[in-house]
Amino acid sequence: DNIEVCWEFLQPILDVWKSLPPRDFPNYPAGSYGPEEADELLARDGFHWKNQ
């Protein structure tokens, strides 16, 4: 069965991902302009976001 073969392939990958520590994800409050990392991304090249 194709679905069983897919799970046999994917399950070891999912198990490794589950065992790793969570990645640092730049969460931000609803209604804000987004994470500071977004500003830093553009600032590296001398740009900035234009708020509307």
Protein backbone atom coordinates (compact mmCIF):
# COMPACT_ATOMS: atom_id res chain seq x y z
CA ASP A 1 0.00 0.00 0.00
CA ASN A 2 1.42 3.38 -1.04
CA ILE A 3 0.33 5.15 2.11
CA GLU A 4 2.15 2.66 4.34
CA VAL A 5 5.33 3.07 2.27
CA CYS A 6 5.08 6.85 2.61
CA TRP A 7 4.73 6.60 6.39
CA GLU A 8 7.68 4.19 6.57
CA PHE A 9 9.74 6.84 4.81
CA LEU A 10 8.41 9.86 6.69
CA GLN A 11 8.09 8.57 10.24
CA PRO A 12 11.86 8.45 10.97
CA ILE A 13 12.16 12.04 9.76
CA LEU A 14 9.25 13.15 11.95
CA ASP A 15 10.77 11.32 14.93
CA VAL A 16 14.08 13.17 14.53
CA TRP A 17 12.33 16.52 14.17
CA LYS A 18 10.30 15.82 17.30
CA SER A 19 13.46 15.00 19.26
CA LEU A 20 15.17 18.29 18.36
CA PRO A 21 14.78 21.38 20.55
CA PRO A 22 12.29 23.94 19.23
CA ARG A 23 13.73 26.54 16.90
CA ASP A 24 13.70 30.17 17.93
CA PHE A 25 10.72 31.54 16.03
CA PRO A 26 10.18 35.32 15.97
CA ASN A 27 6.62 35.54 17.28
CA TYR A 28 5.02 38.95 17.62
CA PRO A 29 1.79 40.37 19.00
CA ALA A 30 -1.28 40.59 16.79
CA GLY A 31 -1.77 44.09 15.41
CA SER A 32 1.94 44.93 15.60
CA TYR A 33 4.21 45.61 12.64
CA GLY A 34 5.81 42.18 12.93
CA PRO A 35 8.99 40.82 14.48
CA GLU A 36 12.08 42.98 14.92
CA GLU A 37 13.96 40.42 12.82
CA ALA A 38 11.98 41.63 9.78
CA ASP A 39 13.31 45.16 10.31
CA GLU A 40 16.84 43.83 10.80
CA LEU A 41 16.60 41.80 7.59
CA LEU A 42 16.02 44.91 5.49
CA ALA A 43 18.30 47.18 7.54
CA ARG A 44 21.29 44.98 6.67
CA ASP A 45 21.06 46.31 3.11
CA GLY A 46 20.07 49.86 4.04
CA PHE A 47 16.33 49.44 3.50
CA HIS A 48 13.29 49.76 5.74
CA TRP A 49 9.63 48.78 5.69
CA LYS A 50 7.15 51.40 4.52
CA ASN A 51 4.17 51.50 6.90
CA GLN A 52 0.84 52.26 5.32
